[in-house]
Amino acid sequence: MAAKKAAKRTVAKGKGKKGGGYVCGVCGLSVTVDEACGCAEAHPIICCMKPMKKKRSR
């Protein structure tokens, strides 16, 4: 019996990475990604009609 290969899913670099933090430059809302979606394309996180920026690590 031949083993089936699992499709490799790539995580979008820079957007939605698990454990990544983002902050809104307008209102200051802060979010942390708990679970990455696994999509190949990037999904920007939007707040106040603008993409959120990555938090700087301390």
PDB file of N, CA and C in Angstrom:
ATOM      1  N   MET A   1       0.839  -1.173   0.000  1.00  0.00           N
ATOM      2  CA  MET A   1       0.000   0.000   0.000  1.00  0.00           C
ATOM      3  C   MET A   1       0.892   1.246   0.000  1.00  0.00           C
ATOM      4  N   ALA A   2       0.679   2.112  -0.937  1.00  0.00           N
ATOM      5  CA  ALA A   2       1.481   3.329  -1.067  1.00  0.00           C
ATOM      6  C   ALA A   2       0.989   4.399  -0.091  1.00  0.00           C
ATOM      7  N   ALA A   3       1.940   5.067   0.541  1.00  0.00           N
ATOM      8  CA  ALA A   3       1.579   6.144   1.473  1.00  0.00           C
ATOM      9  C   ALA A   3       1.269   7.410   0.682  1.00  0.00           C
ATOM     10  N   LYS A   4       0.231   8.108   1.084  1.00  0.00           N
ATOM     11  CA  LYS A   4      -0.139   9.348   0.406  1.00  0.00           C
ATOM     12  C   LYS A   4       0.678  10.490   0.982  1.00  0.00           C
ATOM     13  N   LYS A   5       1.130  11.368   0.102  1.00  0.00           N
ATOM     14  CA  LYS A   5       1.873  12.543   0.549  1.00  0.00           C
ATOM     15  C   LYS A   5       0.887  13.618   0.986  1.00  0.00           C
ATOM     16  N   ALA A   6       1.150  14.217   2.120  1.00  0.00           N
ATOM     17  CA  ALA A   6       0.314  15.322   2.604  1.00  0.00           C
ATOM     18  C   ALA A   6       0.715  16.590   1.862  1.00  0.00           C
ATOM     19  N   ALA A   7      -0.267  17.367   1.480  1.00  0.00           N
ATOM     20  CA  ALA A   7       0.006  18.629   0.791  1.00  0.00           C
ATOM     21  C   ALA A   7       0.712  19.575   1.751  1.00  0.00           C
ATOM     22  N   LYS A   8       1.802  20.150   1.306  1.00  0.00           N
ATOM     23  CA  LYS A   8       2.565  21.071   2.147  1.00  0.00           C
ATOM     24  C   LYS A   8       1.918  22.447   2.087  1.00  0.00           C
ATOM     25  N   ARG A   9       1.589  23.002   3.250  1.00  0.00           N
ATOM     26  CA  ARG A   9       0.977  24.327   3.331  1.00  0.00           C
ATOM     27  C   ARG A   9       2.050  25.294   3.802  1.00  0.00           C
ATOM     28  N   THR A  10       2.185  26.389   3.104  1.00  0.00           N
ATOM     29  CA  THR A  10       3.162  27.388   3.496  1.00  0.00           C
ATOM     30  C   THR A  10       2.474  28.550   4.175  1.00  0.00           C
ATOM     31  N   VAL A  11       3.092  29.057   5.219  1.00  0.00           N
ATOM     32  CA  VAL A  11       2.551  30.192   5.957  1.00  0.00           C
ATOM     33  C   VAL A  11       3.055  31.467   5.304  1.00  0.00           C
ATOM     34  N   ALA A  12       2.167  32.423   5.146  1.00  0.00           N
ATOM     35  CA  ALA A  12       2.544  33.716   4.565  1.00  0.00           C
ATOM     36  C   ALA A  12       3.563  34.385   5.465  1.00  0.00           C
ATOM     37  N   LYS A  13       4.644  34.851   4.869  1.00  0.00           N
ATOM     38  CA  LYS A  13       5.694  35.492   5.647  1.00  0.00           C
ATOM     39  C   LYS A  13       5.296  36.909   6.024  1.00  0.00           C
ATOM     40  N   GLY A  14       5.478  37.223   7.290  1.00  0.00           N
ATOM     41  CA  GLY A  14       5.263  38.585   7.756  1.00  0.00           C
ATOM     42  C   GLY A  14       3.843  38.933   8.158  1.00  0.00           C
ATOM     43  N   LYS A  15       2.866  38.153   7.797  1.00  0.00           N
ATOM     44  CA  LYS A  15       1.474  38.452   8.151  1.00  0.00           C
ATOM     45  C   LYS A  15       0.831  37.218   8.774  1.00  0.00           C
ATOM     46  N   GLY A  16       0.274  37.401   9.951  1.00  0.00           N
ATOM     47  CA  GLY A  16      -0.467  36.337  10.596  1.00  0.00           C
ATOM     48  C   GLY A  16       0.357  35.191  11.131  1.00  0.00           C
ATOM     49  N   LYS A  17       1.595  35.395  11.473  1.00  0.00           N
ATOM     50  CA  LYS A  17       2.442  34.358  12.014  1.00  0.00           C
ATOM     51  C   LYS A  17       2.067  34.117  13.475  1.00  0.00           C
ATOM     52  N   LYS A  18       1.950  32.857  13.886  1.00  0.00           N
ATOM     53  CA  LYS A  18       1.556  32.521  15.247  1.00  0.00           C
ATOM     54  C   LYS A  18       2.505  33.176  16.248  1.00  0.00           C
ATOM     55  N   GLY A  19       1.927  33.826  17.245  1.00  0.00           N
ATOM     56  CA  GLY A  19       2.717  34.504  18.269  1.00  0.00           C
ATOM     57  C   GLY A  19       3.120  35.911  17.890  1.00  0.00           C
ATOM     58  N   GLY A  20       2.844  36.299  16.662  1.00  0.00           N
ATOM     59  CA  GLY A  20       3.190  37.639  16.195  1.00  0.00           C
ATOM     60  C   GLY A  20       2.264  38.679  16.782  1.00  0.00           C
ATOM     61  N   GLY A  21       2.790  39.853  17.062  1.00  0.00           N
ATOM     62  CA  GLY A  21       1.983  40.928  17.610  1.00  0.00           C
ATOM     63  C   GLY A  21       1.869  42.066  16.623  1.00  0.00           C
ATOM     64  N   TYR A  22       0.700  42.694  16.592  1.00  0.00           N
ATOM     65  CA  TYR A  22       0.436  43.809  15.693  1.00  0.00           C
ATOM     66  C   TYR A  22      -0.212  44.934  16.473  1.00  0.00           C
ATOM     67  N   VAL A  23       0.032  46.178  16.058  1.00  0.00           N
ATOM     68  CA  VAL A  23      -0.540  47.336  16.728  1.00  0.00           C
ATOM     69  C   VAL A  23      -1.064  48.311  15.676  1.00  0.00           C
ATOM     70  N   CYS A  24      -2.199  48.958  15.996  1.00  0.00           N
ATOM     71  CA  CYS A  24      -2.783  49.949  15.099  1.00  0.00           C
ATOM     72  C   CYS A  24      -2.075  51.279  15.326  1.00  0.00           C
ATOM     73  N   GLY A  25      -1.629  51.917  14.273  1.00  0.00           N
ATOM     74  CA  GLY A  25      -0.958  53.205  14.361  1.00  0.00           C
ATOM     75  C   GLY A  25      -1.914  54.363  14.604  1.00  0.00           C
ATOM     76  N   VAL A  26      -3.220  54.138  14.458  1.00  0.00           N
ATOM     77  CA  VAL A  26      -4.213  55.193  14.643  1.00  0.00           C
ATOM     78  C   VAL A  26      -4.772  55.181  16.071  1.00  0.00           C
ATOM     79  N   CYS A  27      -5.364  54.047  16.480  1.00  0.00           N
ATOM     80  CA  CYS A  27      -6.028  53.984  17.795  1.00  0.00           C
ATOM     81  C   CYS A  27      -5.203  53.285  18.871  1.00  0.00           C
ATOM     82  N   GLY A  28      -4.155  52.557  18.478  1.00  0.00           N
ATOM     83  CA  GLY A  28      -3.301  51.878  19.448  1.00  0.00           C
ATOM     84  C   GLY A  28      -3.747  50.479  19.833  1.00  0.00           C
ATOM     85  N   LEU A  29      -4.814  49.960  19.204  1.00  0.00           N
ATOM     86  CA  LEU A  29      -5.275  48.606  19.498  1.00  0.00           C
ATOM     87  C   LEU A  29      -4.143  47.621  19.219  1.00  0.00           C
ATOM     88  N   SER A  30      -3.980  46.644  20.102  1.00  0.00           N
ATOM     89  CA  SER A  30      -2.927  45.657  19.984  1.00  0.00           C
ATOM     90  C   SER A  30      -3.539  44.273  19.863  1.00  0.00           C
ATOM     91  N   VAL A  31      -3.022  43.429  18.953  1.00  0.00           N
ATOM     92  CA  VAL A  31      -3.502  42.053  18.797  1.00  0.00           C
ATOM     93  C   VAL A  31      -2.325  41.090  18.747  1.00  0.00           C
ATOM     94  N   THR A  32      -2.581  39.846  19.168  1.00  0.00           N
ATOM     95  CA  THR A  32      -1.597  38.774  19.081  1.00  0.00           C
ATOM     96  C   THR A  32      -2.236  37.637  18.295  1.00  0.00           C
ATOM     97  N   VAL A  33      -1.507  37.045  17.368  1.00  0.00           N
ATOM     98  CA  VAL A  33      -2.015  35.956  16.548  1.00  0.00           C
ATOM     99  C   VAL A  33      -1.898  34.663  17.349  1.00  0.00           C
ATOM    100  N   ASP A  34      -3.051  34.000  17.601  1.00  0.00           N
ATOM    101  CA  ASP A  34      -3.075  32.745  18.342  1.00  0.00           C
ATOM    102  C   ASP A  34      -2.904  31.537  17.426  1.00  0.00           C
ATOM    103  N   GLU A  35      -3.424  31.640  16.207  1.00  0.00           N
ATOM    104  CA  GLU A  35      -3.365  30.520  15.287  1.00  0.00           C
ATOM    105  C   GLU A  35      -3.222  31.037  13.861  1.00  0.00           C
ATOM    106  N   ALA A  36      -2.174  30.589  13.157  1.00  0.00           N
ATOM    107  CA  ALA A  36      -1.959  30.996  11.769  1.00  0.00           C
ATOM    108  C   ALA A  36      -2.925  30.229  10.867  1.00  0.00           C
ATOM    109  N   CYS A  37      -3.374  30.880   9.788  1.00  0.00           N
ATOM    110  CA  CYS A  37      -4.353  30.251   8.895  1.00  0.00           C
ATOM    111  C   CYS A  37      -3.716  29.223   7.961  1.00  0.00           C
ATOM    112  N   GLY A  38      -2.437  29.371   7.654  1.00  0.00           N
ATOM    113  CA  GLY A  38      -1.767  28.426   6.787  1.00  0.00           C
ATOM    114  C   GLY A  38      -1.900  28.734   5.310  1.00  0.00           C
ATOM    115  N   CYS A  39      -2.502  29.848   4.949  1.00  0.00           N
ATOM    116  CA  CYS A  39      -2.655  30.231   3.543  1.00  0.00           C
ATOM    117  C   CYS A  39      -1.314  30.652   2.941  1.00  0.00           C
ATOM    118  N   ALA A  40      -1.182  30.494   1.651  1.00  0.00           N
ATOM    119  CA  ALA A  40       0.043  30.885   0.960  1.00  0.00           C
ATOM    120  C   ALA A  40       0.126  32.395   0.742  1.00  0.00           C
ATOM    121  N   GLU A  41      -1.031  33.057   0.644  1.00  0.00           N
ATOM    122  CA  GLU A  41      -1.023  34.504   0.425  1.00  0.00           C
ATOM    123  C   GLU A  41      -1.104  35.246   1.755  1.00  0.00           C
ATOM    124  N   ALA A  42      -0.620  36.471   1.774  1.00  0.00           N
ATOM    125  CA  ALA A  42      -0.625  37.300   2.981  1.00  0.00           C
ATOM    126  C   ALA A  42      -2.009  37.898   3.205  1.00  0.00           C
ATOM    127  N   HIS A  43      -2.408  37.969   4.465  1.00  0.00           N
ATOM    128  CA  HIS A  43      -3.672  38.584   4.855  1.00  0.00           C
ATOM    129  C   HIS A  43      -3.353  39.720   5.825  1.00  0.00           C
ATOM    130  N   PRO A  44      -3.378  40.959   5.370  1.00  0.00           N
ATOM    131  CA  PRO A  44      -3.089  42.057   6.301  1.00  0.00           C
ATOM    132  C   PRO A  44      -4.200  42.187   7.341  1.00  0.00           C
ATOM    133  N   ILE A  45      -3.824  42.555   8.553  1.00  0.00           N
ATOM    134  CA  ILE A  45      -4.791  42.773   9.623  1.00  0.00           C
ATOM    135  C   ILE A  45      -5.144  44.254   9.589  1.00  0.00           C
ATOM    136  N   ILE A  46      -6.432  44.555   9.399  1.00  0.00           N
ATOM    137  CA  ILE A  46      -6.885  45.929   9.198  1.00  0.00           C
ATOM    138  C   ILE A  46      -7.574  46.460  10.456  1.00  0.00           C
ATOM    139  N   CYS A  47      -7.247  47.692  10.829  1.00  0.00           N
ATOM    140  CA  CYS A  47      -7.907  48.396  11.918  1.00  0.00           C
ATOM    141  C   CYS A  47      -7.933  49.873  11.523  1.00  0.00           C
ATOM    142  N   CYS A  48      -9.003  50.566  11.818  1.00  0.00           N
ATOM    143  CA  CYS A  48      -9.156  51.989  11.460  1.00  0.00           C
ATOM    144  C   CYS A  48      -8.887  52.217   9.975  1.00  0.00           C
ATOM    145  N   MET A  49      -9.292  51.217   9.155  1.00  0.00           N
ATOM    146  CA  MET A  49      -9.168  51.266   7.694  1.00  0.00           C
ATOM    147  C   MET A  49      -7.718  51.340   7.211  1.00  0.00           C
ATOM    148  N   LYS A  50      -6.739  50.905   8.050  1.00  0.00           N
ATOM    149  CA  LYS A  50      -5.326  50.859   7.673  1.00  0.00           C
ATOM    150  C   LYS A  50      -4.720  49.550   8.153  1.00  0.00           C
ATOM    151  N   PRO A  51      -3.736  49.002   7.411  1.00  0.00           N
ATOM    152  CA  PRO A  51      -3.078  47.768   7.872  1.00  0.00           C
ATOM    153  C   PRO A  51      -2.336  48.011   9.188  1.00  0.00           C
ATOM    154  N   MET A  52      -2.444  47.042  10.083  1.00  0.00           N
ATOM    155  CA  MET A  52      -1.741  47.147  11.359  1.00  0.00           C
ATOM    156  C   MET A  52      -0.256  46.873  11.145  1.00  0.00           C
ATOM    157  N   LYS A  53       0.584  47.434  12.016  1.00  0.00           N
ATOM    158  CA  LYS A  53       2.032  47.278  11.920  1.00  0.00           C
ATOM    159  C   LYS A  53       2.499  46.256  12.934  1.00  0.00           C
ATOM    160  N   LYS A  54       3.602  45.554  12.605  1.00  0.00           N
ATOM    161  CA  LYS A  54       4.185  44.585  13.532  1.00  0.00           C
ATOM    162  C   LYS A  54       4.685  45.303  14.773  1.00  0.00           C
ATOM    163  N   LYS A  55       4.471  44.660  15.922  1.00  0.00           N
ATOM    164  CA  LYS A  55       5.013  45.182  17.181  1.00  0.00           C
ATOM    165  C   LYS A  55       6.508  44.923  17.195  1.00  0.00           C
ATOM    166  N   ARG A  56       7.216  45.814  17.778  1.00  0.00           N
ATOM    167  CA  ARG A  56       8.654  45.602  17.946  1.00  0.00           C
ATOM    168  C   ARG A  56       8.859  44.702  19.154  1.00  0.00           C
ATOM    169  N   SER A  57       9.792  43.756  19.023  1.00  0.00           N
ATOM    170  CA  SER A  57      10.099  42.899  20.167  1.00  0.00           C
ATOM    171  C   SER A  57      10.993  43.642  21.124  1.00  0.00           C
ATOM    172  N   ARG A  58      10.792  43.393  22.396  1.00  0.00           N
ATOM    173  CA  ARG A  58      11.525  44.114  23.435  1.00  0.00           C
ATOM    174  C   ARG A  58      12.865  43.557  23.688  1.00  0.00           C
TER     175      ARG A  58
END
